[in-house]
Amino acid sequence: VQLVESGGGLVQPGGSLRLSCVTSGFTFRDSGMSWYRQRPGEGRELVAQIGNLGMTSDYAEFVKGRFRIARNNGKNTVYLEMNNLEPEDTAVYFCKRNQYQQWGQGTQVTVSS
């Protein structure tokens, strides 16, 4: 099983980024997926999750209305679209296969002017 995140970087407050997580080694369409983040000095926290068919999703309160999770089962990929970014969103972002302890290596997002 592999999960490979990309799309992080440095962005100014109010900016946008789109993270991608390409997966392999399991039947992607059968698995719910999640994005987590780990801010400096803190533990990992759930950001958003999406059902296996993409019909259901859920968000942490601190990203509601700003972030959107999506998936493409034909490409075995889950996305996190992040808008109106704030300095407090600075973190390493990880994707995870739900119900398994299977994580990507993370991608760094830094929001700073």
C-alpha atoms as a PDB file:
ATOM      1  CA  VAL A   1       0.000   0.000   0.000  1.00  0.00           C
ATOM      2  CA  GLN A   2       1.277   3.431  -0.938  1.00  0.00           C
ATOM      3  CA  LEU A   3      -0.155   6.904  -0.425  1.00  0.00           C
ATOM      4  CA  VAL A   4       1.800   9.789  -1.913  1.00  0.00           C
ATOM      5  CA  GLU A   5       0.800  13.367  -1.180  1.00  0.00           C
ATOM      6  CA  SER A   6       1.797  16.379  -3.244  1.00  0.00           C
ATOM      7  CA  GLY A   7       0.780  19.959  -3.853  1.00  0.00           C
ATOM      8  CA  GLY A   8       1.985  21.639  -0.693  1.00  0.00           C
ATOM      9  CA  GLY A   9       4.042  24.790  -0.653  1.00  0.00           C
ATOM     10  CA  LEU A  10       4.299  28.366   0.517  1.00  0.00           C
ATOM     11  CA  VAL A  11       1.251  30.554   0.009  1.00  0.00           C
ATOM     12  CA  GLN A  12       0.181  33.979   1.244  1.00  0.00           C
ATOM     13  CA  PRO A  13      -2.772  34.392   3.592  1.00  0.00           C
ATOM     14  CA  GLY A  14      -5.981  34.283   1.615  1.00  0.00           C
ATOM     15  CA  GLY A  15      -4.418  32.104  -1.036  1.00  0.00           C
ATOM     16  CA  SER A  16      -5.315  28.630  -2.265  1.00  0.00           C
ATOM     17  CA  LEU A  17      -3.683  25.274  -2.722  1.00  0.00           C
ATOM     18  CA  ARG A  18      -4.821  21.910  -4.005  1.00  0.00           C
ATOM     19  CA  LEU A  19      -3.336  18.828  -2.430  1.00  0.00           C
ATOM     20  CA  SER A  20      -3.366  15.438  -4.110  1.00  0.00           C
ATOM     21  CA  CYS A  21      -2.873  11.950  -2.706  1.00  0.00           C
ATOM     22  CA  VAL A  22      -2.203   9.218  -5.232  1.00  0.00           C
ATOM     23  CA  THR A  23      -2.735   5.725  -3.891  1.00  0.00           C
ATOM     24  CA  SER A  24      -1.872   2.190  -4.921  1.00  0.00           C
ATOM     25  CA  GLY A  25      -1.861  -1.313  -3.519  1.00  0.00           C
ATOM     26  CA  PHE A  26      -5.499  -1.532  -2.486  1.00  0.00           C
ATOM     27  CA  THR A  27      -8.962  -1.193  -4.014  1.00  0.00           C
ATOM     28  CA  PHE A  28      -9.343   2.545  -3.770  1.00  0.00           C
ATOM     29  CA  ARG A  29     -13.039   2.640  -4.623  1.00  0.00           C
ATOM     30  CA  ASP A  30     -13.812   0.461  -1.599  1.00  0.00           C
ATOM     31  CA  SER A  31     -12.128   2.751   0.925  1.00  0.00           C
ATOM     32  CA  GLY A  32     -13.133   5.943   2.608  1.00  0.00           C
ATOM     33  CA  MET A  33     -10.268   8.420   2.755  1.00  0.00           C
ATOM     34  CA  SER A  34      -9.273  11.249   5.037  1.00  0.00           C
ATOM     35  CA  TRP A  35      -6.956  14.212   5.240  1.00  0.00           C
ATOM     36  CA  TYR A  36      -5.241  15.011   8.516  1.00  0.00           C
ATOM     37  CA  ARG A  37      -2.804  17.703   9.465  1.00  0.00           C
ATOM     38  CA  GLN A  38      -0.132  18.160  12.076  1.00  0.00           C
ATOM     39  CA  ARG A  39       0.708  21.687  13.097  1.00  0.00           C
ATOM     40  CA  PRO A  40       4.093  22.464  14.657  1.00  0.00           C
ATOM     41  CA  GLY A  41       4.299  21.077  18.167  1.00  0.00           C
ATOM     42  CA  GLU A  42       0.865  19.462  18.015  1.00  0.00           C
ATOM     43  CA  GLY A  43      -0.651  16.068  17.281  1.00  0.00           C
ATOM     44  CA  ARG A  44      -2.427  15.064  14.096  1.00  0.00           C
ATOM     45  CA  GLU A  45      -5.980  16.279  13.690  1.00  0.00           C
ATOM     46  CA  LEU A  46      -8.682  15.264  11.256  1.00  0.00           C
ATOM     47  CA  VAL A  47      -9.371  17.844   8.575  1.00  0.00           C
ATOM     48  CA  ALA A  48     -11.855  16.136   6.261  1.00  0.00           C
ATOM     49  CA  GLN A  49     -13.053  12.718   5.191  1.00  0.00           C
ATOM     50  CA  ILE A  50     -14.929  11.334   2.231  1.00  0.00           C
ATOM     51  CA  GLY A  51     -16.874   8.152   1.635  1.00  0.00           C
ATOM     52  CA  ASN A  52     -15.736   5.520  -0.830  1.00  0.00           C
ATOM     53  CA  LEU A  53     -18.049   6.738  -3.590  1.00  0.00           C
ATOM     54  CA  GLY A  54     -17.553  10.404  -2.857  1.00  0.00           C
ATOM     55  CA  MET A  55     -21.198  10.863  -1.944  1.00  0.00           C
ATOM     56  CA  THR A  56     -20.571  11.797   1.676  1.00  0.00           C
ATOM     57  CA  SER A  57     -18.016  14.054   3.279  1.00  0.00           C
ATOM     58  CA  ASP A  58     -17.359  15.649   6.616  1.00  0.00           C
ATOM     59  CA  TYR A  59     -15.167  18.525   7.741  1.00  0.00           C
ATOM     60  CA  ALA A  60     -13.582  19.836  10.885  1.00  0.00           C
ATOM     61  CA  GLU A  61     -15.204  23.044  12.061  1.00  0.00           C
ATOM     62  CA  PHE A  62     -12.038  25.036  11.524  1.00  0.00           C
ATOM     63  CA  VAL A  63     -12.065  24.370   7.749  1.00  0.00           C
ATOM     64  CA  LYS A  64     -15.756  24.341   6.948  1.00  0.00           C
ATOM     65  CA  GLY A  65     -16.554  26.639   4.070  1.00  0.00           C
ATOM     66  CA  ARG A  66     -12.875  26.973   3.103  1.00  0.00           C
ATOM     67  CA  PHE A  67     -11.697  23.438   2.246  1.00  0.00           C
ATOM     68  CA  ARG A  68     -13.248  20.810  -0.005  1.00  0.00           C
ATOM     69  CA  ILE A  69     -12.378  17.135  -0.205  1.00  0.00           C
ATOM     70  CA  ALA A  70     -12.928  15.226  -3.425  1.00  0.00           C
ATOM     71  CA  ARG A  71     -11.853  11.986  -5.050  1.00  0.00           C
ATOM     72  CA  ASN A  72     -11.407  10.432  -8.465  1.00  0.00           C
ATOM     73  CA  ASN A  73     -11.847   6.677  -8.234  1.00  0.00           C
ATOM     74  CA  GLY A  74     -10.615   6.256 -11.788  1.00  0.00           C
ATOM     75  CA  LYS A  75      -7.301   7.796 -10.780  1.00  0.00           C
ATOM     76  CA  ASN A  76      -7.079   6.326  -7.267  1.00  0.00           C
ATOM     77  CA  THR A  77      -6.607   9.856  -6.004  1.00  0.00           C
ATOM     78  CA  VAL A  78      -8.071  11.967  -3.240  1.00  0.00           C
ATOM     79  CA  TYR A  79      -7.802  15.749  -3.229  1.00  0.00           C
ATOM     80  CA  LEU A  80      -8.017  18.553  -0.736  1.00  0.00           C
ATOM     81  CA  GLU A  81      -8.836  21.957  -2.170  1.00  0.00           C
ATOM     82  CA  MET A  82      -7.910  24.664   0.311  1.00  0.00           C
ATOM     83  CA  ASN A  83      -9.118  28.232  -0.087  1.00  0.00           C
ATOM     84  CA  ASN A  84      -8.818  31.389   1.988  1.00  0.00           C
ATOM     85  CA  LEU A  85      -5.815  29.943   3.774  1.00  0.00           C
ATOM     86  CA  GLU A  86      -4.790  31.332   7.129  1.00  0.00           C
ATOM     87  CA  PRO A  87      -1.422  31.246   8.920  1.00  0.00           C
ATOM     88  CA  GLU A  88      -3.027  28.811  11.378  1.00  0.00           C
ATOM     89  CA  ASP A  89      -3.392  26.323   8.516  1.00  0.00           C
ATOM     90  CA  THR A  90       0.384  25.922   8.404  1.00  0.00           C
ATOM     91  CA  ALA A  91       0.992  22.218   8.919  1.00  0.00           C
ATOM     92  CA  VAL A  92       2.076  18.972   7.349  1.00  0.00           C
ATOM     93  CA  TYR A  93      -0.943  17.466   5.632  1.00  0.00           C
ATOM     94  CA  PHE A  94      -1.381  13.705   5.414  1.00  0.00           C
ATOM     95  CA  CYS A  95      -3.839  11.482   3.630  1.00  0.00           C
ATOM     96  CA  LYS A  96      -5.032   8.298   5.271  1.00  0.00           C
ATOM     97  CA  ARG A  97      -6.984   5.261   4.267  1.00  0.00           C
ATOM     98  CA  ASN A  98      -9.926   5.028   6.653  1.00  0.00           C
ATOM     99  CA  GLN A  99     -10.047   2.100   9.098  1.00  0.00           C
ATOM    100  CA  TYR A 100      -6.392   1.304   8.460  1.00  0.00           C
ATOM    101  CA  GLN A 101      -3.204   2.773   9.852  1.00  0.00           C
ATOM    102  CA  GLN A 102      -1.993   3.577   6.370  1.00  0.00           C
ATOM    103  CA  TRP A 103      -0.610   7.057   5.859  1.00  0.00           C
ATOM    104  CA  GLY A 104       1.282   9.016   3.284  1.00  0.00           C
ATOM    105  CA  GLN A 105       4.538  10.792   4.051  1.00  0.00           C
ATOM    106  CA  GLY A 106       2.863  14.191   4.203  1.00  0.00           C
ATOM    107  CA  THR A 107       3.187  17.447   2.326  1.00  0.00           C
ATOM    108  CA  GLN A 108       4.136  20.738   3.954  1.00  0.00           C
ATOM    109  CA  VAL A 109       1.776  23.704   3.685  1.00  0.00           C
ATOM    110  CA  THR A 110       3.077  27.046   4.895  1.00  0.00           C
ATOM    111  CA  VAL A 111       0.843  30.103   4.962  1.00  0.00           C
ATOM    112  CA  SER A 112       2.840  33.256   5.446  1.00  0.00           C
ATOM    113  CA  SER A 113       3.273  36.715   4.017  1.00  0.00           C
END
